[in-house]
C-alpha atoms as a PDB file:
ATOM      1  CA  UNK A   1      73.966 101.403  87.424  1.00  0.00           C
ATOM      2  CA  UNK A   2      71.656  98.518  86.588  1.00  0.00           C
ATOM      3  CA  UNK A   3      69.717  98.097  83.356  1.00  0.00           C
ATOM      4  CA  UNK A   4      66.970  95.607  82.584  1.00  0.00           C
ATOM      5  CA  UNK A   5      66.207  94.722  78.991  1.00  0.00           C
ATOM      6  CA  UNK A   6      63.000  93.241  77.637  1.00  0.00           C
ATOM      7  CA  UNK A   7      63.175  89.447  77.485  1.00  0.00           C
ATOM      8  CA  UNK A   8      62.407  89.642  73.777  1.00  0.00           C
ATOM      9  CA  UNK A   9      65.719  91.440  73.104  1.00  0.00           C
ATOM     10  CA  UNK A  10      68.001  89.071  71.242  1.00  0.00           C
ATOM     11  CA  UNK A  11      70.259  91.522  69.435  1.00  0.00           C
ATOM     12  CA  UNK A  12      73.967  92.151  69.723  1.00  0.00           C
ATOM     13  CA  UNK A  13      76.424  94.862  68.764  1.00  0.00           C
ATOM     14  CA  UNK A  14      80.126  95.616  68.640  1.00  0.00           C
ATOM     15  CA  UNK A  15      81.227  98.439  70.909  1.00  0.00           C
ATOM     16  CA  UNK A  16      84.412  99.989  69.466  1.00  0.00           C
ATOM     17  CA  UNK A  17      86.351 102.317  71.760  1.00  0.00           C
ATOM     18  CA  UNK A  18      89.269 104.346  70.373  1.00  0.00           C
ATOM     19  CA  UNK A  19      91.284 105.494  73.378  1.00  0.00           C
ATOM     20  CA  UNK A  20      90.348 102.528  75.527  1.00  0.00           C
ATOM     21  CA  UNK A  21      93.127 102.497  78.130  1.00  0.00           C
ATOM     22  CA  UNK A  22      91.290 104.840  80.481  1.00  0.00           C
ATOM     23  CA  UNK A  23      88.100 102.773  80.782  1.00  0.00           C
ATOM     24  CA  UNK A  24      88.290  99.002  81.043  1.00  0.00           C
ATOM     25  CA  UNK A  25      84.907  98.457  82.712  1.00  0.00           C
ATOM     26  CA  UNK A  26      82.742  97.749  79.621  1.00  0.00           C
ATOM     27  CA  UNK A  27      79.495  98.074  81.582  1.00  0.00           C
ATOM     28  CA  UNK A  28      77.406  98.359  78.397  1.00  0.00           C
ATOM     29  CA  UNK A  29      78.680  95.056  77.056  1.00  0.00           C
ATOM     30  CA  UNK A  30      77.839  93.335  80.328  1.00  0.00           C
ATOM     31  CA  UNK A  31      74.180  94.282  79.763  1.00  0.00           C
ATOM     32  CA  UNK A  32      74.122  92.972  76.177  1.00  0.00           C
ATOM     33  CA  UNK A  33      75.371  89.419  76.616  1.00  0.00           C
ATOM     34  CA  UNK A  34      75.842  88.681  72.894  1.00  0.00           C
ATOM     35  CA  UNK A  35      77.952  91.781  72.277  1.00  0.00           C
ATOM     36  CA  UNK A  36      81.688  92.380  71.883  1.00  0.00           C
ATOM     37  CA  UNK A  37      83.899  95.229  73.145  1.00  0.00           C
ATOM     38  CA  UNK A  38      86.866  96.115  70.914  1.00  0.00           C
ATOM     39  CA  UNK A  39      89.281  98.664  72.377  1.00  0.00           C
ATOM     40  CA  UNK A  40      92.162 100.461  70.673  1.00  0.00           C
ATOM     41  CA  UNK A  41      94.839 102.418  72.538  1.00  0.00           C
ATOM     42  CA  UNK A  42      98.522 102.879  71.641  1.00  0.00           C
ATOM     43  CA  UNK A  43      99.329 103.168  75.355  1.00  0.00           C
ATOM     44  CA  UNK A  44      98.615  99.482  75.889  1.00  0.00           C
ATOM     45  CA  UNK A  45     101.690  97.278  75.882  1.00  0.00           C
ATOM     46  CA  UNK A  46     100.229  94.342  73.937  1.00  0.00           C
ATOM     47  CA  UNK A  47      96.955  92.893  72.636  1.00  0.00           C
ATOM     48  CA  UNK A  48      94.878  91.703  75.573  1.00  0.00           C
ATOM     49  CA  UNK A  49      91.631  89.897  76.304  1.00  0.00           C
ATOM     50  CA  UNK A  50      89.835  90.880  79.494  1.00  0.00           C
ATOM     51  CA  UNK A  51      87.235  88.168  78.993  1.00  0.00           C
ATOM     52  CA  UNK A  52      85.530  86.370  76.096  1.00  0.00           C
ATOM     53  CA  UNK A  53      83.575  89.501  75.094  1.00  0.00           C
ATOM     54  CA  UNK A  54      86.461  92.023  75.202  1.00  0.00           C
ATOM     55  CA  UNK A  55      89.666  92.480  73.229  1.00  0.00           C
ATOM     56  CA  UNK A  56      92.166  95.359  73.235  1.00  0.00           C
ATOM     57  CA  UNK A  57      94.723  96.341  70.574  1.00  0.00           C
ATOM     58  CA  UNK A  58      97.809  98.515  71.268  1.00  0.00           C
ATOM     59  CA  UNK A  59      97.414 100.758  68.210  1.00  0.00           C
ATOM     60  CA  UNK A  60      96.116 104.210  67.303  1.00  0.00           C
ATOM     61  CA  UNK A  61      93.226 104.461  64.829  1.00  0.00           C
ATOM     62  CA  UNK A  62      92.921 106.907  61.944  1.00  0.00           C
ATOM     63  CA  UNK A  63      90.821 107.229  58.805  1.00  0.00           C
ATOM     64  CA  UNK A  64      94.055 107.486  56.785  1.00  0.00           C
ATOM     65  CA  UNK A  65      96.016 104.390  55.805  1.00  0.00           C
ATOM     66  CA  UNK A  66      99.511 105.798  56.092  1.00  0.00           C
ATOM     67  CA  UNK A  67     102.240 106.287  58.634  1.00  0.00           C
ATOM     68  CA  UNK A  68     101.475 109.318  60.794  1.00  0.00           C
ATOM     69  CA  UNK A  69     103.230 111.109  63.615  1.00  0.00           C
ATOM     70  CA  UNK A  70     101.724 110.286  67.013  1.00  0.00           C
ATOM     71  CA  UNK A  71     102.221 112.742  69.880  1.00  0.00           C
ATOM     72  CA  UNK A  72     102.748 110.969  73.217  1.00  0.00           C
ATOM     73  CA  UNK A  73     101.899 113.234  76.101  1.00  0.00           C
ATOM     74  CA  UNK A  74     102.832 113.258  79.783  1.00  0.00           C
ATOM     75  CA  UNK A  75      99.420 111.760  80.533  1.00  0.00           C
ATOM     76  CA  UNK A  76      99.122 108.836  78.068  1.00  0.00           C
ATOM     77  CA  UNK A  77      95.332 109.191  77.806  1.00  0.00           C
ATOM     78  CA  UNK A  78      95.825 112.649  76.231  1.00  0.00           C
ATOM     79  CA  UNK A  79      98.099 111.402  73.405  1.00  0.00           C
ATOM     80  CA  UNK A  80      96.908 112.053  69.857  1.00  0.00           C
ATOM     81  CA  UNK A  81      97.705 112.485  66.170  1.00  0.00           C
ATOM     82  CA  UNK A  82      97.013 116.179  66.794  1.00  0.00           C
ATOM     83  CA  UNK A  83      99.515 118.591  68.357  1.00  0.00           C
ATOM     84  CA  UNK A  84      98.087 119.887  71.641  1.00  0.00           C
ATOM     85  CA  UNK A  85      97.312 123.612  71.754  1.00  0.00           C
ATOM     86  CA  UNK A  86      99.482 124.163  74.812  1.00  0.00           C
ATOM     87  CA  UNK A  87      98.757 127.902  75.075  1.00  0.00           C
ATOM     88  CA  UNK A  88      95.033 127.219  75.286  1.00  0.00           C
ATOM     89  CA  UNK A  89      95.339 124.224  77.626  1.00  0.00           C
ATOM     90  CA  UNK A  90      97.611 126.051  80.075  1.00  0.00           C
ATOM     91  CA  UNK A  91      94.709 128.366  80.951  1.00  0.00           C
ATOM     92  CA  UNK A  92      92.891 125.524  82.722  1.00  0.00           C
ATOM     93  CA  UNK A  93      93.917 124.630  86.285  1.00  0.00           C
ATOM     94  CA  UNK A  94      96.986 122.436  85.739  1.00  0.00           C
ATOM     95  CA  UNK A  95      95.372 120.468  82.907  1.00  0.00           C
ATOM     96  CA  UNK A  96      97.974 121.787  80.471  1.00  0.00           C
ATOM     97  CA  UNK A  97     100.764 119.685  81.970  1.00  0.00           C
ATOM     98  CA  UNK A  98      98.892 116.481  81.033  1.00  0.00           C
ATOM     99  CA  UNK A  99      99.255 117.440  77.362  1.00  0.00           C
ATOM    100  CA  UNK A 100     102.992 118.167  77.391  1.00  0.00           C
ATOM    101  CA  UNK A 101     104.677 116.142  74.662  1.00  0.00           C
END
């Protein structure tokens, strides 16, 4: 997908992605040259910089400032602070196994 911005556009923004391990493309940031991508995902092994406009942190994000239990699932991109509703998820064509703790 290609986007063209007006030449008068001089703005920037920070794109914050909680659960970033599944998408490392940052196509929006490539359109806005003065912008920064900040990704958080506890599945990452260490802080990483993809390029000068992107940085990733290997942590989970919550509105609470306290230690919380984090549920790691079979598919790391499905991990969460919330317990998966396995009975509900099992009704959907093999998706349930991704959420097994």
